[in-house]
N, C-alpha and C. Protein backbone atom coordinates (compact mmCIF):
# COMPACT_ATOMS: atom_id res chain seq x y z
N MET A 1 88.78 98.58 124.58
CA MET A 1 89.08 97.24 124.10
C MET A 1 90.44 97.25 123.39
N GLN A 2 91.25 96.26 123.68
CA GLN A 2 92.57 96.19 123.08
C GLN A 2 92.50 95.69 121.64
N THR A 3 93.33 96.27 120.79
CA THR A 3 93.45 95.79 119.43
C THR A 3 94.36 94.57 119.42
N SER A 4 94.38 93.87 118.30
CA SER A 4 95.25 92.69 118.22
C SER A 4 96.72 93.09 118.34
N VAL A 5 97.08 94.26 117.80
CA VAL A 5 98.47 94.73 117.91
C VAL A 5 98.82 94.99 119.37
N ASP A 6 97.90 95.59 120.12
CA ASP A 6 98.14 95.84 121.55
C ASP A 6 98.31 94.53 122.31
N LYS A 7 97.49 93.55 121.98
CA LYS A 7 97.59 92.24 122.63
C LYS A 7 98.93 91.57 122.31
N ILE A 8 99.34 91.67 121.06
CA ILE A 8 100.62 91.07 120.66
C ILE A 8 101.77 91.81 121.33
N THR A 9 101.69 93.13 121.41
CA THR A 9 102.73 93.91 122.09
C THR A 9 102.85 93.48 123.54
N ALA A 10 101.73 93.30 124.21
CA ALA A 10 101.74 92.85 125.60
C ALA A 10 102.34 91.46 125.71
N GLU A 11 102.01 90.58 124.78
CA GLU A 11 102.56 89.23 124.78
C GLU A 11 104.07 89.25 124.56
N ILE A 12 104.53 90.11 123.65
CA ILE A 12 105.98 90.26 123.43
C ILE A 12 106.64 90.70 124.74
N GLY A 13 106.05 91.66 125.41
CA GLY A 13 106.59 92.14 126.68
C GLY A 13 106.68 91.02 127.71
N ARG A 14 105.63 90.21 127.83
CA ARG A 14 105.64 89.09 128.77
C ARG A 14 106.73 88.08 128.38
N THR A 15 106.87 87.80 127.09
CA THR A 15 107.89 86.87 126.61
C THR A 15 109.28 87.34 127.00
N LEU A 16 109.49 88.65 126.95
CA LEU A 16 110.80 89.22 127.26
C LEU A 16 110.99 89.49 128.75
N GLY A 17 109.97 89.22 129.55
CA GLY A 17 110.08 89.40 130.99
C GLY A 17 109.66 90.76 131.51
N TYR A 18 108.88 91.49 130.73
CA TYR A 18 108.39 92.81 131.15
C TYR A 18 106.91 92.74 131.45
N THR A 19 106.45 93.68 132.27
CA THR A 19 105.02 93.82 132.44
C THR A 19 104.48 94.58 131.23
N PRO A 20 103.19 94.46 130.92
CA PRO A 20 102.65 95.17 129.75
C PRO A 20 102.87 96.68 129.80
N GLU A 21 102.98 97.25 131.00
CA GLU A 21 103.20 98.69 131.12
C GLU A 21 104.66 99.08 130.91
N GLN A 22 105.58 98.12 130.98
CA GLN A 22 107.00 98.43 130.91
C GLN A 22 107.68 97.87 129.66
N VAL A 23 106.93 97.56 128.63
CA VAL A 23 107.51 97.02 127.40
C VAL A 23 108.42 98.08 126.79
N PRO A 24 109.66 97.72 126.45
CA PRO A 24 110.57 98.71 125.87
C PRO A 24 110.08 99.16 124.49
N VAL A 25 110.48 100.34 124.10
CA VAL A 25 110.09 100.87 122.79
C VAL A 25 110.90 100.17 121.70
N PHE A 26 112.20 100.03 121.92
CA PHE A 26 113.09 99.41 120.94
C PHE A 26 113.77 98.19 121.53
N VAL A 27 114.05 97.20 120.68
CA VAL A 27 114.85 96.04 121.06
C VAL A 27 115.92 95.82 120.01
N ASP A 28 116.99 95.14 120.39
CA ASP A 28 118.06 94.87 119.43
C ASP A 28 117.66 93.71 118.51
N ALA A 29 118.50 93.45 117.52
CA ALA A 29 118.18 92.43 116.53
C ALA A 29 118.09 91.04 117.15
N GLU A 30 118.95 90.74 118.11
CA GLU A 30 118.90 89.43 118.76
C GLU A 30 117.57 89.22 119.48
N THR A 31 117.11 90.24 120.16
CA THR A 31 115.84 90.15 120.88
C THR A 31 114.67 90.07 119.89
N ALA A 32 114.73 90.85 118.82
CA ALA A 32 113.69 90.79 117.79
C ALA A 32 113.62 89.40 117.18
N ALA A 33 114.77 88.81 116.93
CA ALA A 33 114.80 87.45 116.37
C ALA A 33 114.19 86.46 117.35
N GLN A 34 114.47 86.64 118.64
CA GLN A 34 113.88 85.78 119.67
C GLN A 34 112.35 85.90 119.66
N VAL A 35 111.87 87.12 119.56
CA VAL A 35 110.42 87.36 119.53
C VAL A 35 109.78 86.66 118.34
N LEU A 36 110.45 86.72 117.19
CA LEU A 36 109.91 86.14 115.97
C LEU A 36 110.18 84.64 115.85
N GLY A 37 111.02 84.11 116.72
CA GLY A 37 111.35 82.69 116.68
C GLY A 37 112.25 82.32 115.51
N ILE A 38 113.14 83.23 115.15
CA ILE A 38 114.07 82.99 114.04
C ILE A 38 115.48 83.30 114.51
N LYS A 39 116.45 83.01 113.67
CA LYS A 39 117.83 83.33 114.00
C LYS A 39 118.13 84.78 113.63
N CYS A 40 119.08 85.36 114.35
CA CYS A 40 119.47 86.74 114.10
C CYS A 40 120.00 86.90 112.68
N ASN A 41 120.70 85.89 112.18
CA ASN A 41 121.20 85.95 110.80
C ASN A 41 120.07 86.04 109.79
N THR A 42 118.92 85.47 110.11
CA THR A 42 117.76 85.57 109.21
C THR A 42 117.31 87.02 109.11
N LEU A 43 117.26 87.72 110.24
CA LEU A 43 116.89 89.14 110.22
C LEU A 43 117.90 89.94 109.41
N THR A 44 119.16 89.63 109.56
CA THR A 44 120.19 90.31 108.79
C THR A 44 119.95 90.09 107.30
N ASN A 45 119.64 88.87 106.94
CA ASN A 45 119.35 88.53 105.54
C ASN A 45 118.13 89.30 105.03
N TRP A 46 117.07 89.35 105.83
CA TRP A 46 115.86 90.07 105.43
C TRP A 46 116.16 91.55 105.22
N ARG A 47 116.98 92.14 106.10
CA ARG A 47 117.31 93.56 105.95
C ARG A 47 118.08 93.81 104.67
N SER A 48 119.04 92.95 104.39
CA SER A 48 119.91 93.20 103.23
C SER A 48 119.24 92.89 101.90
N THR A 49 118.31 91.93 101.88
CA THR A 49 117.66 91.56 100.63
C THR A 49 116.32 92.26 100.44
N GLY A 50 115.76 92.79 101.53
CA GLY A 50 114.43 93.40 101.43
C GLY A 50 113.33 92.38 101.27
N ARG A 51 113.59 91.15 101.67
CA ARG A 51 112.60 90.07 101.50
C ARG A 51 111.28 90.40 102.19
N TYR A 52 111.36 90.87 103.41
CA TYR A 52 110.16 91.28 104.14
C TYR A 52 110.31 92.74 104.54
N ALA A 53 109.21 93.45 104.54
CA ALA A 53 109.23 94.88 104.88
C ALA A 53 109.06 95.05 106.38
N LEU A 54 110.00 94.50 107.13
CA LEU A 54 109.98 94.65 108.59
C LEU A 54 110.79 95.90 108.93
N PRO A 55 110.12 96.95 109.40
CA PRO A 55 110.81 98.21 109.67
C PRO A 55 111.88 98.06 110.75
N PHE A 56 112.96 98.79 110.60
CA PHE A 56 114.03 98.82 111.59
C PHE A 56 114.65 100.20 111.60
N VAL A 57 115.37 100.49 112.66
CA VAL A 57 116.06 101.76 112.81
C VAL A 57 117.55 101.46 112.89
N LYS A 58 118.32 102.14 112.09
CA LYS A 58 119.76 101.92 112.10
C LYS A 58 120.47 103.23 112.42
N THR A 59 121.31 103.17 113.45
CA THR A 59 122.13 104.30 113.84
C THR A 59 123.57 103.80 113.87
N GLY A 60 124.35 104.22 112.88
CA GLY A 60 125.69 103.69 112.76
C GLY A 60 125.61 102.20 112.47
N ARG A 61 126.23 101.40 113.32
CA ARG A 61 126.15 99.94 113.15
C ARG A 61 125.04 99.31 113.98
N LEU A 62 124.41 100.09 114.83
CA LEU A 62 123.37 99.55 115.69
C LEU A 62 122.04 99.43 114.93
N VAL A 63 121.41 98.29 115.05
CA VAL A 63 120.11 98.05 114.44
C VAL A 63 119.12 97.79 115.56
N ARG A 64 118.01 98.49 115.53
CA ARG A 64 116.97 98.34 116.54
C ARG A 64 115.62 98.16 115.86
N TYR A 65 114.73 97.46 116.55
CA TYR A 65 113.37 97.25 116.06
C TYR A 65 112.39 97.78 117.10
N ARG A 66 111.39 98.51 116.64
CA ARG A 66 110.34 98.96 117.56
C ARG A 66 109.45 97.77 117.87
N VAL A 67 109.14 97.59 119.13
CA VAL A 67 108.29 96.48 119.54
C VAL A 67 106.92 96.60 118.88
N SER A 68 106.41 97.83 118.74
CA SER A 68 105.10 98.02 118.10
C SER A 68 105.15 97.61 116.62
N ASP A 69 106.29 97.83 115.95
CA ASP A 69 106.44 97.38 114.56
C ASP A 69 106.46 95.87 114.47
N LEU A 70 107.14 95.22 115.41
CA LEU A 70 107.15 93.76 115.43
C LEU A 70 105.75 93.21 115.64
N ALA A 71 105.01 93.82 116.57
CA ALA A 71 103.64 93.38 116.86
C ALA A 71 102.75 93.57 115.64
N GLU A 72 102.87 94.69 114.97
CA GLU A 72 102.05 94.95 113.78
C GLU A 72 102.41 93.97 112.66
N TRP A 73 103.68 93.70 112.49
CA TRP A 73 104.15 92.77 111.46
C TRP A 73 103.60 91.37 111.71
N ILE A 74 103.62 90.96 112.98
CA ILE A 74 103.06 89.65 113.34
C ILE A 74 101.57 89.63 113.10
N ALA A 75 100.86 90.68 113.49
CA ALA A 75 99.40 90.74 113.33
C ALA A 75 99.01 90.68 111.85
N GLN A 76 99.78 91.31 110.98
CA GLN A 76 99.47 91.29 109.56
C GLN A 76 99.63 89.91 108.95
N ARG A 77 100.44 89.07 109.55
CA ARG A 77 100.70 87.75 109.01
C ARG A 77 99.87 86.65 109.66
N ARG A 78 99.04 87.02 110.59
CA ARG A 78 98.21 86.04 111.25
C ARG A 78 97.18 85.50 110.30
N ALA A 79 97.01 84.18 110.31
CA ALA A 79 96.06 83.53 109.42
C ALA A 79 95.18 82.57 110.23
N GLY A 80 93.89 82.61 109.98
CA GLY A 80 92.97 81.69 110.63
C GLY A 80 92.70 82.03 112.07
N GLY A 81 91.73 81.37 112.64
CA GLY A 81 91.39 81.56 114.03
C GLY A 81 90.73 82.90 114.30
N GLU A 82 90.34 83.08 115.54
CA GLU A 82 89.73 84.34 115.95
C GLU A 82 90.78 85.28 116.48
N VAL A 83 90.51 86.56 116.36
CA VAL A 83 91.44 87.58 116.85
C VAL A 83 91.25 87.79 118.32
């Protein structure tokens, strides 16, 4: 049985045009913002202020987000309804 994080990960993959088996491990900040339905500048603001504990990986100037971290972050903020 799939967990809610697995279901959200699969949904993120479909949103980005991937099959559930081919969901990328990392996405860039623009794609992460698209997944979350926010502007890329909002993610930049969250990273710099620490407003939300959304994990990211930074290598030099490149910022990447793990799709599984995005799915977990979304699942933790879900309110109401059935899982």
